[in-house]
Amino acid sequence: MITATINLIKIAFLLGFLIIIHEGGHFLVAKLCKIKVNEFAIGFGPEILKKQGKETKYALRLIPLGGFVSMEGEETYSDKIGSFSKASILKRISIVASGALVNIIFGLLVYFIIIASYTDIQNAIEALKLFGVSMIDSLKMLINGTAFKEEQLTGIVGISEIVVQTKGIINYIYLLAVISVSLGVTNLLPIPPLDGGKIVLLIIEGIRKKPLKENLEIQIQMAGFVLMIVLTIFVTYKDIMRIV
C-alpha cells in the first residue's frame, strides 16, 4: 500500500510539474506580450478547484492529462484590448513556442547540473557529447519517421511504468529532465493541435499577410485533434499490452 502510494505520488508530481512549467511558459510570455489570459488550467474536464484572479481564472480540472492557457481572441477573432488575434505574428509565435522551449531548457539545465555535480570535468564533457549525439539521433528519427514506428512510441502508461522503476532521487530527477526535453521536442512537431502545428499556421498567415479562413483553420485543428486522440488510444493500448 505504501509503495503504491509513493509510486502514485512520483507519477503525479512528474506529470503535474511538467504540465505546470509548460503552461507556465505560455502564460508568462503572454503576459509579457500584454495578452489577456482568461484561464490558466491544469487538467481537462470538470473543475475541481478554481480561483478567480484580477484578470485570470486559475483552475485545477479532473483529467490530469495536460493543461491549457486560454487567451482572449485565441480561438475566435476578438478586437478587444489584449487580444491574441490582434498581436503581431512574432508575438503569437513566441507565445505558442514558449511552453515547449521552457520544457527543453529546463530539461537541459537539470541534465547539465546533474552531470556537473556528480562527475569530473572530463567525464562531464564526455556525457554532454553523448547527450548531444542522442538529441541529434532523436531529431533524425523524427524527420525520417522512424520515431513513429510502433516499438518507439510510448504513452502515459509506458512513462508511468518507467517512473515507477526509478531508484533514488537523482535517477528520478534525471528522468524528469529527459521527459521534459522529449515533451518539448514532441510539442514542436508540425501537427495540429500541437504547438508546432499552430506555429506552422501562424507562419502561413505571416506569408499570406492574412489569416486562413476560420472554418478551414477549425477543420485543420479538428483533423489533427482526431489524429492525436487515435494515436493516444493506440499507444496506450500498446503500453498496456507490453506490461500485461
C-alpha atoms as a PDB file:
ATOM      1  CA  MET A   1       0.000   0.000   0.000  1.00  0.00           C
ATOM      2  CA  ILE A   2       2.809   2.403   0.937  1.00  0.00           C
ATOM      3  CA  THR A   3       4.762   1.523  -2.202  1.00  0.00           C
ATOM      4  CA  ALA A   4       1.708   2.068  -4.397  1.00  0.00           C
ATOM      5  CA  THR A   5       1.094   5.463  -2.764  1.00  0.00           C
ATOM      6  CA  ILE A   6       4.717   6.517  -3.273  1.00  0.00           C
ATOM      7  CA  ASN A   7       4.597   5.435  -6.914  1.00  0.00           C
ATOM      8  CA  LEU A   8       1.372   7.376  -7.448  1.00  0.00           C
ATOM      9  CA  ILE A   9       2.952  10.486  -5.921  1.00  0.00           C
ATOM     10  CA  LYS A  10       6.042  10.090  -8.137  1.00  0.00           C
ATOM     11  CA  ILE A  11       3.925   9.833 -11.283  1.00  0.00           C
ATOM     12  CA  ALA A  12       1.558  12.667 -10.309  1.00  0.00           C
ATOM     13  CA  PHE A  13       4.397  15.029  -9.381  1.00  0.00           C
ATOM     14  CA  LEU A  14       6.390  14.366 -12.559  1.00  0.00           C
ATOM     15  CA  LEU A  15       3.439  14.807 -14.907  1.00  0.00           C
ATOM     16  CA  GLY A  16       1.976  17.720 -12.941  1.00  0.00           C
ATOM     17  CA  PHE A  17       5.289  19.567 -12.747  1.00  0.00           C
ATOM     18  CA  LEU A  18       5.986  19.233 -16.469  1.00  0.00           C
ATOM     19  CA  ILE A  19       2.483  20.425 -17.327  1.00  0.00           C
ATOM     20  CA  ILE A  20       2.794  23.405 -14.969  1.00  0.00           C
ATOM     21  CA  ILE A  21       6.111  24.640 -16.388  1.00  0.00           C
ATOM     22  CA  HIS A  22       4.882  24.080 -19.964  1.00  0.00           C
ATOM     23  CA  GLU A  23       1.678  26.039 -19.493  1.00  0.00           C
ATOM     24  CA  GLY A  24       3.552  28.495 -17.295  1.00  0.00           C
ATOM     25  CA  GLY A  25       5.797  29.280 -20.258  1.00  0.00           C
ATOM     26  CA  HIS A  26       2.767  30.140 -22.401  1.00  0.00           C
ATOM     27  CA  PHE A  27       1.270  32.166 -19.543  1.00  0.00           C
ATOM     28  CA  LEU A  28       4.365  34.244 -18.731  1.00  0.00           C
ATOM     29  CA  VAL A  29       5.183  35.108 -22.346  1.00  0.00           C
ATOM     30  CA  ALA A  30       1.532  36.002 -22.989  1.00  0.00           C
ATOM     31  CA  LYS A  31       1.647  38.363 -20.006  1.00  0.00           C
ATOM     32  CA  LEU A  32       4.942  39.867 -21.233  1.00  0.00           C
ATOM     33  CA  CYS A  33       3.267  40.471 -24.608  1.00  0.00           C
ATOM     34  CA  LYS A  34       0.307  42.102 -22.802  1.00  0.00           C
ATOM     35  CA  ILE A  35      -2.139  39.452 -23.962  1.00  0.00           C
ATOM     36  CA  LYS A  36      -5.179  38.885 -21.741  1.00  0.00           C
ATOM     37  CA  VAL A  37      -5.241  35.365 -20.277  1.00  0.00           C
ATOM     38  CA  ASN A  38      -8.779  34.320 -19.385  1.00  0.00           C
ATOM     39  CA  GLU A  39      -7.857  30.993 -17.773  1.00  0.00           C
ATOM     40  CA  PHE A  40      -4.802  29.044 -16.660  1.00  0.00           C
ATOM     41  CA  ALA A  41      -5.807  25.416 -16.165  1.00  0.00           C
ATOM     42  CA  ILE A  42      -4.063  22.211 -15.159  1.00  0.00           C
ATOM     43  CA  GLY A  43      -6.008  19.229 -16.462  1.00  0.00           C
ATOM     44  CA  PHE A  44      -9.131  18.987 -18.591  1.00  0.00           C
ATOM     45  CA  GLY A  45     -12.808  18.372 -17.942  1.00  0.00           C
ATOM     46  CA  PRO A  46     -14.814  19.442 -14.862  1.00  0.00           C
ATOM     47  CA  GLU A  47     -13.247  21.877 -12.413  1.00  0.00           C
ATOM     48  CA  ILE A  48     -12.081  20.563  -9.032  1.00  0.00           C
ATOM     49  CA  LEU A  49     -10.653  23.814  -7.685  1.00  0.00           C
ATOM     50  CA  LYS A  50     -10.726  27.323  -9.065  1.00  0.00           C
ATOM     51  CA  LYS A  51      -9.718  30.823  -8.076  1.00  0.00           C
ATOM     52  CA  GLN A  52     -10.582  33.983  -9.946  1.00  0.00           C
ATOM     53  CA  GLY A  53      -7.720  36.460 -10.088  1.00  0.00           C
ATOM     54  CA  LYS A  54      -7.895  40.077 -11.172  1.00  0.00           C
ATOM     55  CA  GLU A  55      -7.861  39.044 -14.834  1.00  0.00           C
ATOM     56  CA  THR A  56      -7.256  35.290 -14.989  1.00  0.00           C
ATOM     57  CA  LYS A  57      -9.127  32.312 -13.590  1.00  0.00           C
ATOM     58  CA  TYR A  58      -6.810  29.607 -12.206  1.00  0.00           C
ATOM     59  CA  ALA A  59      -8.298  26.106 -12.273  1.00  0.00           C
ATOM     60  CA  LEU A  60      -7.447  22.520 -11.420  1.00  0.00           C
ATOM     61  CA  ARG A  61      -9.513  20.139 -13.565  1.00  0.00           C
ATOM     62  CA  LEU A  62     -10.410  16.480 -13.201  1.00  0.00           C
ATOM     63  CA  ILE A  63      -8.476  14.796 -16.044  1.00  0.00           C
ATOM     64  CA  PRO A  64      -4.716  15.230 -15.391  1.00  0.00           C
ATOM     65  CA  LEU A  65      -3.532  14.651 -18.963  1.00  0.00           C
ATOM     66  CA  GLY A  66      -2.427  18.166 -19.849  1.00  0.00           C
ATOM     67  CA  GLY A  67      -3.474  21.743 -19.342  1.00  0.00           C
ATOM     68  CA  PHE A  68      -4.173  24.931 -21.216  1.00  0.00           C
ATOM     69  CA  VAL A  69      -3.855  28.694 -21.225  1.00  0.00           C
ATOM     70  CA  SER A  70      -6.989  30.300 -22.663  1.00  0.00           C
ATOM     71  CA  MET A  71      -6.247  33.715 -24.154  1.00  0.00           C
ATOM     72  CA  GLU A  72      -8.599  36.416 -25.362  1.00  0.00           C
ATOM     73  CA  GLY A  73      -9.040  36.070 -29.142  1.00  0.00           C
ATOM     74  CA  GLU A  74      -7.153  32.783 -29.392  1.00  0.00           C
ATOM     75  CA  GLU A  75      -9.930  30.517 -30.676  1.00  0.00           C
ATOM     76  CA  THR A  76     -12.046  33.150 -32.428  1.00  0.00           C
ATOM     77  CA  TYR A  77     -11.140  36.657 -33.574  1.00  0.00           C
ATOM     78  CA  SER A  78     -11.510  39.415 -30.994  1.00  0.00           C
ATOM     79  CA  ASP A  79     -10.726  43.116 -31.333  1.00  0.00           C
ATOM     80  CA  LYS A  80     -10.668  43.695 -27.571  1.00  0.00           C
ATOM     81  CA  ILE A  81      -7.614  45.151 -25.852  1.00  0.00           C
ATOM     82  CA  GLY A  82      -5.105  42.377 -25.126  1.00  0.00           C
ATOM     83  CA  SER A  83      -6.465  40.096 -27.841  1.00  0.00           C
ATOM     84  CA  PHE A  84      -4.183  37.300 -29.061  1.00  0.00           C
ATOM     85  CA  SER A  85      -5.595  37.620 -32.579  1.00  0.00           C
ATOM     86  CA  LYS A  86      -4.545  41.287 -32.761  1.00  0.00           C
ATOM     87  CA  ALA A  87      -0.954  40.653 -31.652  1.00  0.00           C
ATOM     88  CA  SER A  88       1.864  40.526 -34.199  1.00  0.00           C
ATOM     89  CA  ILE A  89       2.830  37.211 -35.808  1.00  0.00           C
ATOM     90  CA  LEU A  90       6.165  37.271 -33.954  1.00  0.00           C
ATOM     91  CA  LYS A  91       4.466  37.735 -30.581  1.00  0.00           C
ATOM     92  CA  ARG A  92       1.981  34.959 -31.280  1.00  0.00           C
ATOM     93  CA  ILE A  93       4.697  32.540 -32.381  1.00  0.00           C
ATOM     94  CA  SER A  94       6.702  33.427 -29.254  1.00  0.00           C
ATOM     95  CA  ILE A  95       3.711  32.673 -27.025  1.00  0.00           C
ATOM     96  CA  VAL A  96       2.903  29.379 -28.752  1.00  0.00           C
ATOM     97  CA  ALA A  97       6.538  28.184 -28.789  1.00  0.00           C
ATOM     98  CA  SER A  98       7.332  29.228 -25.208  1.00  0.00           C
ATOM     99  CA  GLY A  99       5.790  26.197 -23.490  1.00  0.00           C
ATOM    100  CA  ALA A 100       7.892  23.678 -25.410  1.00  0.00           C
ATOM    101  CA  LEU A 101      11.009  25.827 -25.108  1.00  0.00           C
ATOM    102  CA  VAL A 102      10.602  26.022 -21.320  1.00  0.00           C
ATOM    103  CA  ASN A 103      10.417  22.201 -21.184  1.00  0.00           C
ATOM    104  CA  ILE A 104      13.544  21.853 -23.329  1.00  0.00           C
ATOM    105  CA  ILE A 105      15.554  24.497 -21.460  1.00  0.00           C
ATOM    106  CA  PHE A 106      14.531  23.111 -18.056  1.00  0.00           C
ATOM    107  CA  GLY A 107      15.469  19.569 -19.046  1.00  0.00           C
ATOM    108  CA  LEU A 108      18.862  20.603 -20.420  1.00  0.00           C
ATOM    109  CA  LEU A 109      19.684  22.724 -17.357  1.00  0.00           C
ATOM    110  CA  VAL A 110      18.827  19.896 -14.971  1.00  0.00           C
ATOM    111  CA  TYR A 111      20.863  17.457 -17.031  1.00  0.00           C
ATOM    112  CA  PHE A 112      23.893  19.776 -17.048  1.00  0.00           C
ATOM    113  CA  ILE A 113      23.625  20.367 -13.274  1.00  0.00           C
ATOM    114  CA  ILE A 114      23.477  16.625 -12.544  1.00  0.00           C
ATOM    115  CA  ILE A 115      26.431  15.913 -14.796  1.00  0.00           C
ATOM    116  CA  ALA A 116      28.494  18.804 -13.361  1.00  0.00           C
ATOM    117  CA  SER A 117      27.697  17.776  -9.774  1.00  0.00           C
ATOM    118  CA  TYR A 118      28.474  14.075  -9.989  1.00  0.00           C
ATOM    119  CA  THR A 119      31.347  13.720 -12.449  1.00  0.00           C
ATOM    120  CA  ASP A 120      34.766  15.232 -13.049  1.00  0.00           C
ATOM    121  CA  ILE A 121      35.249  17.764 -15.851  1.00  0.00           C
ATOM    122  CA  GLN A 122      36.403  15.251 -18.478  1.00  0.00           C
ATOM    123  CA  ASN A 123      33.526  12.830 -17.766  1.00  0.00           C
ATOM    124  CA  ALA A 124      31.084  15.756 -17.833  1.00  0.00           C
ATOM    125  CA  ILE A 125      32.344  16.734 -21.306  1.00  0.00           C
ATOM    126  CA  GLU A 126      32.010  13.120 -22.498  1.00  0.00           C
ATOM    127  CA  ALA A 127      28.477  12.838 -21.133  1.00  0.00           C
ATOM    128  CA  LEU A 128      27.463  16.070 -22.866  1.00  0.00           C
ATOM    129  CA  LYS A 129      28.820  14.759 -26.144  1.00  0.00           C
ATOM    130  CA  LEU A 130      26.758  11.588 -25.771  1.00  0.00           C
ATOM    131  CA  PHE A 131      23.690  13.640 -24.868  1.00  0.00           C
ATOM    132  CA  GLY A 132      24.219  15.850 -27.932  1.00  0.00           C
ATOM    133  CA  VAL A 133      24.566  12.821 -30.201  1.00  0.00           C
ATOM    134  CA  SER A 134      21.432  11.325 -28.644  1.00  0.00           C
ATOM    135  CA  MET A 135      19.460  14.529 -29.293  1.00  0.00           C
ATOM    136  CA  ILE A 136      20.640  14.651 -32.931  1.00  0.00           C
ATOM    137  CA  ASP A 137      19.692  10.996 -33.422  1.00  0.00           C
ATOM    138  CA  SER A 138      16.253  11.697 -31.934  1.00  0.00           C
ATOM    139  CA  LEU A 139      15.714  14.613 -34.326  1.00  0.00           C
ATOM    140  CA  LYS A 140      16.770  12.430 -37.261  1.00  0.00           C
ATOM    141  CA  MET A 141      14.237   9.811 -36.164  1.00  0.00           C
ATOM    142  CA  LEU A 142      11.523  12.466 -36.073  1.00  0.00           C
ATOM    143  CA  ILE A 143      12.447  13.725 -39.545  1.00  0.00           C
ATOM    144  CA  ASN A 144      12.686  10.332 -41.244  1.00  0.00           C
ATOM    145  CA  GLY A 145       9.652   8.959 -39.428  1.00  0.00           C
ATOM    146  CA  THR A 146      11.307   6.099 -37.538  1.00  0.00           C
ATOM    147  CA  ALA A 147      10.306   7.729 -34.233  1.00  0.00           C
ATOM    148  CA  PHE A 148       6.707   6.905 -35.117  1.00  0.00           C
ATOM    149  CA  LYS A 149       7.287   3.181 -35.508  1.00  0.00           C
ATOM    150  CA  GLU A 150       5.182   1.106 -33.152  1.00  0.00           C
ATOM    151  CA  GLU A 151       8.085  -0.061 -30.973  1.00  0.00           C
ATOM    152  CA  GLN A 152       9.318   3.521 -30.459  1.00  0.00           C
ATOM    153  CA  LEU A 153       6.025   5.007 -29.253  1.00  0.00           C
ATOM    154  CA  THR A 154       5.397   5.383 -25.532  1.00  0.00           C
ATOM    155  CA  GLY A 155       2.363   6.966 -23.905  1.00  0.00           C
ATOM    156  CA  ILE A 156       1.424   7.977 -20.404  1.00  0.00           C
ATOM    157  CA  VAL A 157       1.086   4.345 -19.249  1.00  0.00           C
ATOM    158  CA  GLY A 158       4.572   3.493 -20.503  1.00  0.00           C
ATOM    159  CA  ILE A 159       6.023   6.654 -18.979  1.00  0.00           C
ATOM    160  CA  SER A 160       4.344   5.863 -15.658  1.00  0.00           C
ATOM    161  CA  GLU A 161       5.905   2.393 -15.688  1.00  0.00           C
ATOM    162  CA  ILE A 162       9.365   3.910 -16.243  1.00  0.00           C
ATOM    163  CA  VAL A 163       8.797   6.454 -13.445  1.00  0.00           C
ATOM    164  CA  VAL A 164       7.821   3.690 -11.011  1.00  0.00           C
ATOM    165  CA  GLN A 165      11.063   1.850 -11.777  1.00  0.00           C
ATOM    166  CA  THR A 166      13.322   4.798 -10.882  1.00  0.00           C
ATOM    167  CA  LYS A 167      15.628   4.267  -7.901  1.00  0.00           C
ATOM    168  CA  GLY A 168      16.764   7.271  -5.864  1.00  0.00           C
ATOM    169  CA  ILE A 169      16.189  10.999  -6.215  1.00  0.00           C
ATOM    170  CA  ILE A 170      18.943  11.589  -8.785  1.00  0.00           C
ATOM    171  CA  ASN A 171      17.612   8.891 -11.096  1.00  0.00           C
ATOM    172  CA  TYR A 172      14.125  10.360 -10.719  1.00  0.00           C
ATOM    173  CA  ILE A 173      15.271  13.932 -11.452  1.00  0.00           C
ATOM    174  CA  TYR A 174      17.283  12.724 -14.450  1.00  0.00           C
ATOM    175  CA  LEU A 175      14.180  11.023 -15.841  1.00  0.00           C
ATOM    176  CA  LEU A 176      12.214  14.225 -15.214  1.00  0.00           C
ATOM    177  CA  ALA A 177      14.775  16.120 -17.315  1.00  0.00           C
ATOM    178  CA  VAL A 178      14.713  13.576 -20.151  1.00  0.00           C
ATOM    179  CA  ILE A 179      10.914  13.502 -20.345  1.00  0.00           C
ATOM    180  CA  SER A 180      10.799  17.306 -20.193  1.00  0.00           C
ATOM    181  CA  VAL A 181      13.068  17.591 -23.238  1.00  0.00           C
ATOM    182  CA  SER A 182      11.098  14.898 -25.068  1.00  0.00           C
ATOM    183  CA  LEU A 183       7.818  16.660 -24.265  1.00  0.00           C
ATOM    184  CA  GLY A 184       9.187  19.947 -25.571  1.00  0.00           C
ATOM    185  CA  VAL A 185      10.502  18.464 -28.809  1.00  0.00           C
ATOM    186  CA  THR A 186       7.290  16.492 -29.404  1.00  0.00           C
ATOM    187  CA  ASN A 187       5.162  19.610 -28.906  1.00  0.00           C
ATOM    188  CA  LEU A 188       7.109  21.381 -31.642  1.00  0.00           C
ATOM    189  CA  LEU A 189       6.176  18.785 -34.255  1.00  0.00           C
ATOM    190  CA  PRO A 190       4.217  20.468 -37.093  1.00  0.00           C
ATOM    191  CA  ILE A 191       0.989  18.607 -36.300  1.00  0.00           C
ATOM    192  CA  PRO A 192      -2.196  20.413 -35.240  1.00  0.00           C
ATOM    193  CA  PRO A 193      -3.239  20.788 -32.465  1.00  0.00           C
ATOM    194  CA  LEU A 194       0.340  20.585 -31.106  1.00  0.00           C
ATOM    195  CA  ASP A 195       2.209  23.863 -30.649  1.00  0.00           C
ATOM    196  CA  GLY A 196       4.314  23.116 -33.716  1.00  0.00           C
ATOM    197  CA  GLY A 197       1.169  22.819 -35.843  1.00  0.00           C
ATOM    198  CA  LYS A 198      -0.079  26.170 -34.544  1.00  0.00           C
ATOM    199  CA  ILE A 199       3.280  27.746 -35.376  1.00  0.00           C
ATOM    200  CA  VAL A 200       3.039  26.441 -38.964  1.00  0.00           C
ATOM    201  CA  LEU A 201      -0.406  28.035 -39.332  1.00  0.00           C
ATOM    202  CA  LEU A 202       0.960  31.332 -37.978  1.00  0.00           C
ATOM    203  CA  ILE A 203       3.882  31.230 -40.431  1.00  0.00           C
ATOM    204  CA  ILE A 204       1.422  30.636 -43.283  1.00  0.00           C
ATOM    205  CA  GLU A 205      -0.606  33.599 -42.042  1.00  0.00           C
ATOM    206  CA  GLY A 206       2.535  35.733 -41.989  1.00  0.00           C
ATOM    207  CA  ILE A 207       3.427  34.762 -45.553  1.00  0.00           C
ATOM    208  CA  ARG A 208      -0.126  35.349 -46.825  1.00  0.00           C
ATOM    209  CA  LYS A 209      -0.432  38.606 -44.849  1.00  0.00           C
ATOM    210  CA  LYS A 210      -3.832  37.401 -43.681  1.00  0.00           C
ATOM    211  CA  PRO A 211      -5.158  34.504 -41.593  1.00  0.00           C
ATOM    212  CA  LEU A 212      -6.660  31.365 -43.062  1.00  0.00           C
ATOM    213  CA  LYS A 213     -10.435  31.232 -43.226  1.00  0.00           C
ATOM    214  CA  GLU A 214     -11.724  30.467 -39.745  1.00  0.00           C
ATOM    215  CA  ASN A 215     -13.678  27.401 -40.908  1.00  0.00           C
ATOM    216  CA  LEU A 216     -10.612  25.963 -42.663  1.00  0.00           C
ATOM    217  CA  GLU A 217      -8.416  26.504 -39.612  1.00  0.00           C
ATOM    218  CA  ILE A 218     -11.016  24.835 -37.385  1.00  0.00           C
ATOM    219  CA  GLN A 219     -11.170  21.861 -39.756  1.00  0.00           C
ATOM    220  CA  ILE A 220      -7.368  21.528 -39.736  1.00  0.00           C
ATOM    221  CA  GLN A 221      -7.279  21.693 -35.933  1.00  0.00           C
ATOM    222  CA  MET A 222     -10.090  19.146 -35.607  1.00  0.00           C
ATOM    223  CA  ALA A 223      -8.399  16.735 -38.030  1.00  0.00           C
ATOM    224  CA  GLY A 224      -5.191  16.998 -36.028  1.00  0.00           C
ATOM    225  CA  PHE A 225      -7.090  16.550 -32.765  1.00  0.00           C
ATOM    226  CA  VAL A 226      -8.776  13.379 -34.012  1.00  0.00           C
ATOM    227  CA  LEU A 227      -5.395  12.061 -35.189  1.00  0.00           C
ATOM    228  CA  MET A 228      -3.887  12.731 -31.764  1.00  0.00           C
ATOM    229  CA  ILE A 229      -6.783  11.001 -29.982  1.00  0.00           C
ATOM    230  CA  VAL A 230      -6.473   7.919 -32.193  1.00  0.00           C
ATOM    231  CA  LEU A 231      -2.688   7.844 -31.710  1.00  0.00           C
ATOM    232  CA  THR A 232      -3.066   8.233 -27.939  1.00  0.00           C
ATOM    233  CA  ILE A 233      -5.530   5.342 -27.738  1.00  0.00           C
ATOM    234  CA  PHE A 234      -3.271   3.161 -29.898  1.00  0.00           C
ATOM    235  CA  VAL A 235      -0.121   3.938 -27.887  1.00  0.00           C
ATOM    236  CA  THR A 236      -1.936   3.433 -24.563  1.00  0.00           C
ATOM    237  CA  TYR A 237      -3.207   0.047 -25.751  1.00  0.00           C
ATOM    238  CA  LYS A 238       0.314  -0.975 -26.797  1.00  0.00           C
ATOM    239  CA  ASP A 239       1.737   0.190 -23.436  1.00  0.00           C
ATOM    240  CA  ILE A 240      -0.820  -1.894 -21.554  1.00  0.00           C
ATOM    241  CA  MET A 241      -0.120  -4.961 -23.723  1.00  0.00           C
ATOM    242  CA  ARG A 242       3.619  -4.638 -23.051  1.00  0.00           C
ATOM    243  CA  ILE A 243       3.003  -4.527 -19.307  1.00  0.00           C
ATOM    244  CA  VAL A 244       0.478  -7.375 -19.297  1.00  0.00           C
END
